[in-house]
C-alpha atoms as a PDB file:
ATOM      1  CA  MET A   1      99.149 156.347 -70.483  1.00  0.00           C
ATOM      2  CA  LYS A   2      96.216 155.443 -68.227  1.00  0.00           C
ATOM      3  CA  LYS A   3      94.958 151.933 -67.545  1.00  0.00           C
ATOM      4  CA  THR A   4      91.929 151.302 -65.340  1.00  0.00           C
ATOM      5  CA  VAL A   5      91.667 148.251 -63.090  1.00  0.00           C
ATOM      6  CA  ILE A   6      89.103 146.919 -60.628  1.00  0.00           C
ATOM      7  CA  TYR A   7      90.756 146.306 -57.260  1.00  0.00           C
ATOM      8  CA  LYS A   8      87.650 145.306 -55.301  1.00  0.00           C
ATOM      9  CA  GLN A   9      84.099 144.234 -56.084  1.00  0.00           C
ATOM     10  CA  ASP A  10      81.118 142.259 -54.926  1.00  0.00           C
ATOM     11  CA  ASP A  11      77.516 142.067 -56.111  1.00  0.00           C
ATOM     12  CA  ARG A  12      76.785 145.556 -54.722  1.00  0.00           C
ATOM     13  CA  PHE A  13      79.729 147.643 -55.899  1.00  0.00           C
ATOM     14  CA  THR A  14      82.871 147.831 -58.031  1.00  0.00           C
ATOM     15  CA  ILE A  15      85.878 149.943 -57.009  1.00  0.00           C
ATOM     16  CA  LYS A  16      88.425 151.075 -59.579  1.00  0.00           C
ATOM     17  CA  ALA A  17      91.933 152.503 -59.745  1.00  0.00           C
ATOM     18  CA  ASP A  18      93.728 154.263 -62.585  1.00  0.00           C
ATOM     19  CA  PHE A  19      97.346 153.338 -63.216  1.00  0.00           C
ATOM     20  CA  TYR A  20      99.749 155.773 -64.870  1.00  0.00           C
ATOM     21  CA  GLU A  21     103.094 154.381 -65.963  1.00  0.00           C
ATOM     22  CA  THR A  22     106.446 156.096 -65.976  1.00  0.00           C
ATOM     23  CA  ASN A  23     109.397 155.543 -68.311  1.00  0.00           C
ATOM     24  CA  HIS A  24     111.526 154.317 -65.414  1.00  0.00           C
ATOM     25  CA  THR A  25     111.759 150.559 -64.929  1.00  0.00           C
ATOM     26  CA  HIS A  26     111.106 148.968 -61.519  1.00  0.00           C
ATOM     27  CA  ALA A  27     109.679 152.329 -60.447  1.00  0.00           C
ATOM     28  CA  PRO A  28     108.480 153.204 -56.949  1.00  0.00           C
ATOM     29  CA  VAL A  29     104.740 153.792 -56.578  1.00  0.00           C
ATOM     30  CA  VAL A  30     102.646 156.746 -55.451  1.00  0.00           C
ATOM     31  CA  VAL A  31      99.084 155.845 -54.415  1.00  0.00           C
ATOM     32  CA  TYR A  32      96.877 158.939 -54.631  1.00  0.00           C
ATOM     33  CA  ILE A  33      93.665 159.263 -52.571  1.00  0.00           C
ATOM     34  CA  HIS A  34      91.206 161.973 -53.646  1.00  0.00           C
ATOM     35  CA  GLY A  35      89.371 164.334 -51.299  1.00  0.00           C
ATOM     36  CA  GLY A  36      85.732 165.371 -51.055  1.00  0.00           C
ATOM     37  CA  GLY A  37      84.870 165.207 -47.386  1.00  0.00           C
ATOM     38  CA  LEU A  38      84.502 161.410 -47.833  1.00  0.00           C
ATOM     39  CA  VAL A  39      81.149 162.328 -49.448  1.00  0.00           C
ATOM     40  CA  TRP A  40      82.137 162.982 -53.070  1.00  0.00           C
ATOM     41  CA  GLY A  41      85.101 162.584 -55.385  1.00  0.00           C
ATOM     42  CA  THR A  42      86.613 160.206 -57.910  1.00  0.00           C
ATOM     43  CA  ARG A  43      90.000 158.826 -58.899  1.00  0.00           C
ATOM     44  CA  GLU A  44      89.822 161.158 -61.930  1.00  0.00           C
ATOM     45  CA  ASP A  45      89.997 164.265 -59.715  1.00  0.00           C
ATOM     46  CA  ILE A  46      93.801 164.262 -59.857  1.00  0.00           C
ATOM     47  CA  SER A  47      94.981 166.973 -62.257  1.00  0.00           C
ATOM     48  CA  ASP A  48      96.985 166.332 -65.420  1.00  0.00           C
ATOM     49  CA  GLU A  49      99.760 168.525 -63.989  1.00  0.00           C
ATOM     50  CA  MET A  50     100.056 166.364 -60.865  1.00  0.00           C
ATOM     51  CA  ILE A  51     100.003 163.148 -62.892  1.00  0.00           C
ATOM     52  CA  LYS A  52     102.839 164.499 -65.046  1.00  0.00           C
ATOM     53  CA  LEU A  53     104.759 165.691 -61.959  1.00  0.00           C
ATOM     54  CA  TYR A  54     104.823 162.186 -60.496  1.00  0.00           C
ATOM     55  CA  THR A  55     105.455 160.222 -63.681  1.00  0.00           C
ATOM     56  CA  ASP A  56     108.084 162.631 -65.066  1.00  0.00           C
ATOM     57  CA  ASN A  57     109.985 162.219 -61.797  1.00  0.00           C
ATOM     58  CA  GLY A  58     110.060 158.449 -62.059  1.00  0.00           C
ATOM     59  CA  PHE A  59     107.050 157.386 -60.000  1.00  0.00           C
ATOM     60  CA  ALA A  60     104.384 154.971 -61.150  1.00  0.00           C
ATOM     61  CA  LEU A  61     100.994 156.277 -60.023  1.00  0.00           C
ATOM     62  CA  PHE A  62      97.757 154.706 -58.862  1.00  0.00           C
ATOM     63  CA  SER A  63      94.771 157.015 -58.288  1.00  0.00           C
ATOM     64  CA  ILE A  64      92.109 155.089 -56.407  1.00  0.00           C
ATOM     65  CA  ASP A  65      88.392 155.260 -55.730  1.00  0.00           C
ATOM     66  CA  TYR A  66      86.788 154.148 -52.462  1.00  0.00           C
ATOM     67  CA  ARG A  67      83.235 153.818 -51.203  1.00  0.00           C
ATOM     68  CA  LEU A  68      81.677 157.130 -50.195  1.00  0.00           C
ATOM     69  CA  ALA A  69      79.777 158.255 -47.100  1.00  0.00           C
ATOM     70  CA  PRO A  70      77.115 158.479 -45.811  1.00  0.00           C
ATOM     71  CA  GLU A  71      75.953 155.353 -47.693  1.00  0.00           C
ATOM     72  CA  THR A  72      79.168 153.655 -46.532  1.00  0.00           C
ATOM     73  CA  LYS A  73      80.634 154.403 -43.099  1.00  0.00           C
ATOM     74  CA  LEU A  74      84.257 155.156 -42.211  1.00  0.00           C
ATOM     75  CA  PRO A  75      85.379 151.658 -41.078  1.00  0.00           C
ATOM     76  CA  ASP A  76      84.450 150.234 -44.498  1.00  0.00           C
ATOM     77  CA  ILE A  77      86.053 153.189 -46.300  1.00  0.00           C
ATOM     78  CA  ILE A  78      89.304 152.556 -44.434  1.00  0.00           C
ATOM     79  CA  GLU A  79      88.997 148.872 -45.307  1.00  0.00           C
ATOM     80  CA  ASP A  80      88.853 149.890 -48.994  1.00  0.00           C
ATOM     81  CA  ILE A  81      92.134 151.780 -48.635  1.00  0.00           C
ATOM     82  CA  GLN A  82      93.736 148.733 -46.995  1.00  0.00           C
ATOM     83  CA  ASP A  83      92.405 146.511 -49.784  1.00  0.00           C
ATOM     84  CA  ALA A  84      93.678 148.903 -52.457  1.00  0.00           C
ATOM     85  CA  LEU A  85      97.191 148.839 -51.001  1.00  0.00           C
ATOM     86  CA  HIS A  86      97.055 145.051 -50.705  1.00  0.00           C
ATOM     87  CA  TRP A  87      95.910 144.705 -54.340  1.00  0.00           C
ATOM     88  CA  ILE A  88      98.613 147.068 -55.587  1.00  0.00           C
ATOM     89  CA  GLU A  89     101.299 145.181 -53.700  1.00  0.00           C
ATOM     90  CA  SER A  90     100.180 141.610 -54.435  1.00  0.00           C
ATOM     91  CA  GLU A  91      98.223 141.762 -57.723  1.00  0.00           C
ATOM     92  CA  GLY A  92      99.515 144.973 -59.310  1.00  0.00           C
ATOM     93  CA  PRO A  93     102.927 143.599 -60.369  1.00  0.00           C
ATOM     94  CA  LYS A  94     101.140 140.853 -62.356  1.00  0.00           C
ATOM     95  CA  HIS A  95      99.643 143.552 -64.582  1.00  0.00           C
ATOM     96  CA  PHE A  96     102.148 146.427 -64.488  1.00  0.00           C
ATOM     97  CA  SER A  97     105.872 147.046 -64.085  1.00  0.00           C
ATOM     98  CA  PHE A  98     106.743 148.709 -60.754  1.00  0.00           C
ATOM     99  CA  ASP A  99     108.387 147.934 -57.431  1.00  0.00           C
ATOM    100  CA  PRO A 100     105.670 146.820 -54.964  1.00  0.00           C
ATOM    101  CA  LYS A 101     108.063 147.177 -52.036  1.00  0.00           C
ATOM    102  CA  ARG A 102     108.394 150.949 -52.530  1.00  0.00           C
ATOM    103  CA  ILE A 103     104.960 152.487 -51.996  1.00  0.00           C
ATOM    104  CA  ALA A 104     104.063 155.956 -50.725  1.00  0.00           C
ATOM    105  CA  VAL A 105     100.533 157.206 -50.103  1.00  0.00           C
ATOM    106  CA  VAL A 106      99.542 160.779 -51.002  1.00  0.00           C
ATOM    107  CA  GLY A 107      96.129 162.269 -50.256  1.00  0.00           C
ATOM    108  CA  SER A 108      94.310 165.596 -50.425  1.00  0.00           C
ATOM    109  CA  SER A 109      91.899 166.864 -47.744  1.00  0.00           C
ATOM    110  CA  ALA A 110      89.740 163.844 -46.774  1.00  0.00           C
ATOM    111  CA  GLY A 111      92.220 161.859 -48.857  1.00  0.00           C
ATOM    112  CA  GLY A 112      94.962 163.356 -46.687  1.00  0.00           C
ATOM    113  CA  PHE A 113      93.114 162.017 -43.638  1.00  0.00           C
ATOM    114  CA  LEU A 114      92.928 158.579 -45.267  1.00  0.00           C
ATOM    115  CA  ALA A 115      96.623 158.802 -46.207  1.00  0.00           C
ATOM    116  CA  LEU A 116      97.498 159.602 -42.586  1.00  0.00           C
ATOM    117  CA  SER A 117      95.312 156.666 -41.531  1.00  0.00           C
ATOM    118  CA  THR A 118      97.529 154.280 -43.534  1.00  0.00           C
ATOM    119  CA  GLY A 119     100.274 154.999 -41.011  1.00  0.00           C
ATOM    120  CA  THR A 120      98.162 153.146 -38.431  1.00  0.00           C
ATOM    121  CA  PHE A 121      97.710 150.041 -40.617  1.00  0.00           C
ATOM    122  CA  THR A 122      99.489 146.804 -39.741  1.00  0.00           C
ATOM    123  CA  HIS A 123     101.084 146.908 -43.190  1.00  0.00           C
ATOM    124  CA  LYS A 124     102.241 150.484 -43.704  1.00  0.00           C
ATOM    125  CA  PRO A 125     103.509 152.413 -46.747  1.00  0.00           C
ATOM    126  CA  ARG A 126     107.113 153.628 -46.877  1.00  0.00           C
ATOM    127  CA  ALA A 127     106.065 157.302 -46.671  1.00  0.00           C
ATOM    128  CA  ILE A 128     102.959 159.496 -46.393  1.00  0.00           C
ATOM    129  CA  VAL A 129     102.131 162.910 -47.873  1.00  0.00           C
ATOM    130  CA  SER A 130      99.076 164.816 -46.664  1.00  0.00           C
ATOM    131  CA  PHE A 131      97.848 167.865 -48.576  1.00  0.00           C
ATOM    132  CA  TYR A 132      95.632 169.904 -46.187  1.00  0.00           C
ATOM    133  CA  GLY A 133      94.533 166.755 -44.401  1.00  0.00           C
ATOM    134  CA  TYR A 134      93.603 166.151 -40.777  1.00  0.00           C
ATOM    135  CA  GLY A 135      94.550 163.744 -38.038  1.00  0.00           C
ATOM    136  CA  ASP A 136      91.614 164.451 -35.734  1.00  0.00           C
ATOM    137  CA  ILE A 137      87.895 163.862 -36.393  1.00  0.00           C
ATOM    138  CA  VAL A 138      86.650 164.437 -32.829  1.00  0.00           C
ATOM    139  CA  GLY A 139      87.771 168.066 -32.429  1.00  0.00           C
ATOM    140  CA  ASN A 140      85.345 170.995 -32.500  1.00  0.00           C
ATOM    141  CA  TRP A 141      86.486 171.966 -35.988  1.00  0.00           C
ATOM    142  CA  ALA A 142      84.881 168.737 -37.293  1.00  0.00           C
ATOM    143  CA  THR A 143      81.995 168.086 -34.889  1.00  0.00           C
ATOM    144  CA  SER A 144      80.593 171.606 -34.402  1.00  0.00           C
ATOM    145  CA  PRO A 145      78.806 173.770 -36.990  1.00  0.00           C
ATOM    146  CA  SER A 146      81.430 175.351 -39.264  1.00  0.00           C
ATOM    147  CA  LYS A 147      81.528 179.167 -39.080  1.00  0.00           C
ATOM    148  CA  PHE A 148      82.681 179.288 -42.681  1.00  0.00           C
ATOM    149  CA  TYR A 149      79.884 177.092 -44.025  1.00  0.00           C
ATOM    150  CA  CYS A 150      77.270 178.756 -41.815  1.00  0.00           C
ATOM    151  CA  GLN A 151      77.998 182.019 -43.666  1.00  0.00           C
ATOM    152  CA  LYS A 152      76.715 180.371 -46.856  1.00  0.00           C
ATOM    153  CA  ASP A 153      73.038 179.949 -47.709  1.00  0.00           C
ATOM    154  CA  LEU A 154      71.564 177.313 -45.418  1.00  0.00           C
ATOM    155  CA  VAL A 155      70.934 174.042 -47.248  1.00  0.00           C
ATOM    156  CA  PRO A 156      67.402 172.739 -46.581  1.00  0.00           C
ATOM    157  CA  ASN A 157      67.158 169.372 -44.837  1.00  0.00           C
ATOM    158  CA  GLU A 158      64.908 167.976 -47.586  1.00  0.00           C
ATOM    159  CA  LEU A 159      67.475 168.828 -50.262  1.00  0.00           C
ATOM    160  CA  ALA A 160      70.324 167.224 -48.302  1.00  0.00           C
ATOM    161  CA  LYS A 161      68.297 164.043 -47.783  1.00  0.00           C
ATOM    162  CA  ARG A 162      67.528 163.831 -51.516  1.00  0.00           C
ATOM    163  CA  LEU A 163      71.259 163.765 -52.252  1.00  0.00           C
ATOM    164  CA  ILE A 164      71.735 160.536 -50.274  1.00  0.00           C
ATOM    165  CA  SER A 165      71.580 157.468 -52.507  1.00  0.00           C
ATOM    166  CA  ASP A 166      69.824 154.183 -51.797  1.00  0.00           C
ATOM    167  CA  HIS A 167      72.821 152.263 -53.129  1.00  0.00           C
ATOM    168  CA  ILE A 168      76.575 152.195 -52.550  1.00  0.00           C
ATOM    169  CA  LEU A 169      78.548 154.930 -54.329  1.00  0.00           C
ATOM    170  CA  THR A 170      82.214 154.668 -55.278  1.00  0.00           C
ATOM    171  CA  GLU A 171      82.294 157.827 -57.429  1.00  0.00           C
ATOM    172  CA  ALA A 172      80.378 161.108 -57.188  1.00  0.00           C
ATOM    173  CA  SER A 173      80.962 164.586 -58.596  1.00  0.00           C
ATOM    174  CA  ILE A 174      81.186 167.722 -56.476  1.00  0.00           C
ATOM    175  CA  GLU A 175      78.129 169.011 -58.354  1.00  0.00           C
ATOM    176  CA  GLN A 176      76.131 165.986 -57.186  1.00  0.00           C
ATOM    177  CA  ARG A 177      77.134 165.994 -53.539  1.00  0.00           C
ATOM    178  CA  PHE A 178      78.673 169.260 -52.345  1.00  0.00           C
ATOM    179  CA  LEU A 179      75.440 170.567 -50.838  1.00  0.00           C
ATOM    180  CA  LEU A 180      75.133 167.392 -48.774  1.00  0.00           C
ATOM    181  CA  TYR A 181      78.569 168.152 -47.297  1.00  0.00           C
ATOM    182  CA  VAL A 182      77.675 171.816 -46.733  1.00  0.00           C
ATOM    183  CA  TYR A 183      74.488 170.795 -44.916  1.00  0.00           C
ATOM    184  CA  ALA A 184      76.410 168.407 -42.659  1.00  0.00           C
ATOM    185  CA  ARG A 185      79.065 171.032 -41.856  1.00  0.00           C
ATOM    186  CA  GLN A 186      76.418 173.711 -41.213  1.00  0.00           C
ATOM    187  CA  HIS A 187      74.693 171.501 -38.641  1.00  0.00           C
ATOM    188  CA  GLY A 188      77.755 169.883 -37.053  1.00  0.00           C
ATOM    189  CA  GLU A 189      76.562 166.500 -38.335  1.00  0.00           C
ATOM    190  CA  TRP A 190      79.418 165.688 -40.699  1.00  0.00           C
ATOM    191  CA  ILE A 191      81.290 163.251 -38.463  1.00  0.00           C
ATOM    192  CA  GLN A 192      78.108 161.434 -37.471  1.00  0.00           C
ATOM    193  CA  GLU A 193      77.146 161.153 -41.160  1.00  0.00           C
ATOM    194  CA  ILE A 194      80.469 159.615 -42.207  1.00  0.00           C
ATOM    195  CA  THR A 195      80.878 157.324 -39.181  1.00  0.00           C
ATOM    196  CA  GLY A 196      77.359 156.539 -37.975  1.00  0.00           C
ATOM    197  CA  VAL A 197      78.596 157.453 -34.484  1.00  0.00           C
ATOM    198  CA  ASN A 198      77.503 160.473 -32.434  1.00  0.00           C
ATOM    199  CA  PRO A 199      80.805 162.165 -31.465  1.00  0.00           C
ATOM    200  CA  THR A 200      79.348 163.893 -28.395  1.00  0.00           C
ATOM    201  CA  ILE A 201      78.177 160.592 -26.900  1.00  0.00           C
ATOM    202  CA  ASN A 202      80.793 158.143 -28.225  1.00  0.00           C
ATOM    203  CA  LYS A 203      83.968 160.187 -28.576  1.00  0.00           C
ATOM    204  CA  GLU A 204      86.108 157.234 -27.414  1.00  0.00           C
ATOM    205  CA  VAL A 205      84.787 155.020 -30.230  1.00  0.00           C
ATOM    206  CA  LEU A 206      85.974 157.601 -32.777  1.00  0.00           C
ATOM    207  CA  GLN A 207      89.435 158.071 -31.224  1.00  0.00           C
ATOM    208  CA  LYS A 208      90.625 154.883 -32.920  1.00  0.00           C
ATOM    209  CA  PHE A 209      89.943 156.528 -36.297  1.00  0.00           C
ATOM    210  CA  CYS A 210      92.066 159.600 -35.478  1.00  0.00           C
ATOM    211  CA  PRO A 211      95.600 159.151 -36.874  1.00  0.00           C
ATOM    212  CA  LYS A 212      96.887 161.762 -34.396  1.00  0.00           C
ATOM    213  CA  GLN A 213      95.832 159.545 -31.493  1.00  0.00           C
ATOM    214  CA  ASN A 214      97.301 156.324 -32.895  1.00  0.00           C
ATOM    215  CA  ILE A 215     100.913 157.070 -33.787  1.00  0.00           C
ATOM    216  CA  THR A 216     103.336 154.264 -33.011  1.00  0.00           C
ATOM    217  CA  LYS A 217     107.136 154.113 -33.277  1.00  0.00           C
ATOM    218  CA  ASP A 218     106.904 152.526 -36.735  1.00  0.00           C
ATOM    219  CA  TYR A 219     104.664 155.223 -38.231  1.00  0.00           C
ATOM    220  CA  PRO A 220     106.111 156.158 -41.666  1.00  0.00           C
ATOM    221  CA  PRO A 221     107.977 159.409 -42.417  1.00  0.00           C
ATOM    222  CA  THR A 222     105.311 162.018 -43.118  1.00  0.00           C
ATOM    223  CA  LEU A 223     105.184 165.249 -45.096  1.00  0.00           C
ATOM    224  CA  LEU A 224     102.352 167.700 -44.402  1.00  0.00           C
ATOM    225  CA  LEU A 225     101.390 170.619 -46.670  1.00  0.00           C
ATOM    226  CA  HIS A 226      98.806 173.192 -45.604  1.00  0.00           C
ATOM    227  CA  GLY A 227      97.784 176.775 -46.329  1.00  0.00           C
ATOM    228  CA  THR A 228      97.297 179.265 -43.500  1.00  0.00           C
ATOM    229  CA  LYS A 229      94.024 180.598 -44.937  1.00  0.00           C
ATOM    230  CA  ASP A 230      92.301 177.211 -45.252  1.00  0.00           C
ATOM    231  CA  THR A 231      88.587 177.716 -44.454  1.00  0.00           C
ATOM    232  CA  ASP A 232      87.623 174.036 -44.803  1.00  0.00           C
ATOM    233  CA  VAL A 233      90.305 172.163 -42.847  1.00  0.00           C
ATOM    234  CA  PRO A 234      92.075 174.441 -40.347  1.00  0.00           C
ATOM    235  CA  TYR A 235      95.827 174.886 -40.854  1.00  0.00           C
ATOM    236  CA  GLU A 236      96.204 173.883 -37.185  1.00  0.00           C
ATOM    237  CA  GLN A 237      95.228 170.327 -38.099  1.00  0.00           C
ATOM    238  CA  SER A 238      98.598 169.855 -39.793  1.00  0.00           C
ATOM    239  CA  VAL A 239     100.399 171.742 -37.003  1.00  0.00           C
ATOM    240  CA  PHE A 240      98.879 169.408 -34.402  1.00  0.00           C
ATOM    241  CA  MET A 241      99.632 166.315 -36.477  1.00  0.00           C
ATOM    242  CA  ARG A 242     103.253 167.377 -36.871  1.00  0.00           C
ATOM    243  CA  ALA A 243     103.564 167.916 -33.105  1.00  0.00           C
ATOM    244  CA  ALA A 244     102.104 164.472 -32.395  1.00  0.00           C
ATOM    245  CA  LEU A 245     104.548 162.856 -34.834  1.00  0.00           C
ATOM    246  CA  ILE A 246     107.520 164.703 -33.335  1.00  0.00           C
ATOM    247  CA  LYS A 247     106.459 163.549 -29.864  1.00  0.00           C
ATOM    248  CA  GLU A 248     106.809 159.948 -31.068  1.00  0.00           C
ATOM    249  CA  GLN A 249     110.115 160.812 -32.821  1.00  0.00           C
ATOM    250  CA  ILE A 250     108.717 160.171 -36.292  1.00  0.00           C
ATOM    251  CA  GLU A 251     110.439 161.943 -39.165  1.00  0.00           C
ATOM    252  CA  THR A 252     108.087 164.693 -40.285  1.00  0.00           C
ATOM    253  CA  LYS A 253     107.977 168.084 -41.950  1.00  0.00           C
ATOM    254  CA  LEU A 254     105.235 170.685 -42.411  1.00  0.00           C
ATOM    255  CA  ILE A 255     105.371 172.888 -45.498  1.00  0.00           C
ATOM    256  CA  THR A 256     103.340 176.020 -44.809  1.00  0.00           C
ATOM    257  CA  ILE A 257     101.757 177.896 -47.710  1.00  0.00           C
ATOM    258  CA  PRO A 258     101.399 181.530 -46.497  1.00  0.00           C
ATOM    259  CA  ASN A 259      97.840 182.754 -47.239  1.00  0.00           C
ATOM    260  CA  GLY A 260      97.233 179.430 -48.977  1.00  0.00           C
ATOM    261  CA  GLU A 261      93.633 178.340 -49.240  1.00  0.00           C
ATOM    262  CA  HIS A 262      92.104 174.854 -49.364  1.00  0.00           C
ATOM    263  CA  VAL A 263      93.214 173.081 -52.558  1.00  0.00           C
ATOM    264  CA  PHE A 264      96.082 175.580 -52.932  1.00  0.00           C
ATOM    265  CA  ASP A 265      97.786 173.193 -55.360  1.00  0.00           C
ATOM    266  CA  LYS A 266      95.214 174.064 -58.036  1.00  0.00           C
ATOM    267  CA  ASP A 267      97.362 177.175 -58.483  1.00  0.00           C
ATOM    268  CA  PHE A 268      99.949 174.733 -59.789  1.00  0.00           C
ATOM    269  CA  HIS A 269     102.342 177.203 -61.435  1.00  0.00           C
ATOM    270  CA  HIS A 270     102.542 179.672 -58.532  1.00  0.00           C
ATOM    271  CA  PRO A 271     106.210 179.869 -57.425  1.00  0.00           C
ATOM    272  CA  VAL A 272     105.374 179.062 -53.776  1.00  0.00           C
ATOM    273  CA  VAL A 273     103.313 176.033 -54.843  1.00  0.00           C
ATOM    274  CA  GLN A 274     106.034 174.905 -57.245  1.00  0.00           C
ATOM    275  CA  ASP A 275     108.615 175.109 -54.464  1.00  0.00           C
ATOM    276  CA  ALA A 276     106.364 173.048 -52.161  1.00  0.00           C
ATOM    277  CA  LEU A 277     105.805 170.425 -54.864  1.00  0.00           C
ATOM    278  CA  ASN A 278     109.527 170.200 -55.567  1.00  0.00           C
ATOM    279  CA  GLN A 279     110.109 169.573 -51.857  1.00  0.00           C
ATOM    280  CA  MET A 280     107.453 166.849 -51.952  1.00  0.00           C
ATOM    281  CA  ILE A 281     109.142 165.117 -54.901  1.00  0.00           C
ATOM    282  CA  GLU A 282     112.478 165.264 -53.074  1.00  0.00           C
ATOM    283  CA  PHE A 283     110.831 163.786 -49.944  1.00  0.00           C
ATOM    284  CA  LEU A 284     109.363 160.923 -51.986  1.00  0.00           C
ATOM    285  CA  GLN A 285     112.637 160.273 -53.805  1.00  0.00           C
ATOM    286  CA  ILE A 286     114.514 160.029 -50.495  1.00  0.00           C
ATOM    287  CA  HIS A 287     112.035 157.668 -48.840  1.00  0.00           C
ATOM    288  CA  LEU A 288     111.312 155.510 -51.885  1.00  0.00           C
ATOM    289  CA  SER A 289     114.929 155.024 -52.876  1.00  0.00           C
ATOM    290  CA  GLU A 290     116.115 151.444 -53.280  1.00  0.00           C
END
């Protein structure tokens, strides 16, 4: 059963989260962060199969929205994630039955990046799961024109500009905003669009937003899942993140999906995907145990 709450608002925007209960009492919590290049997406993007996977295995689930770029820049987006976790921990138990001391964060793609970013927060989750996420936003893969997207029809500048809103967005469909993302990736402008910072001039400013560069000894145990044929976020992003975590002696594991593409988990019933998801549930059960 789904219940929608508002976890943050002011006179310019309202940000919501959907709560899905489980039959288990005093359940641990999974906070899910959607993807969409930080440009589009909504809390409703999580599939029914994934919702059932978490709740059937005894996890309460929050799927959260956050403000979207380029109308809102990355520091404020990250602040939304911090505020969501704070609301879930402090206000959530007043409305729902779960254990606020046992929280894991799971994210996909850009949501995986935001999930990895929670490991750098002062108040960290117990565990992190990143599906085809990234720990580095200053590398060439992110700041240079994407070979993959450059093979697609070039998106005209005028069209891309028309897709930018004059007000704050907290939800947007892929149909509304995908071409804005494609344009930014085709021109190597994506990181500047989402941060407001030119990465070639101010690389150091952006380093503080790279989870890979900001791993401390108390970074949470982290599970990474990535397909080797990912054309949006290179598989190497998870390889590099794993190496950086190992260097700091953080418990981590990378599950590789051979020939897996971006959003490989949409092929939910594929045996390889099922095996990966079972490993994820086991990882969460271990690190969210009482």
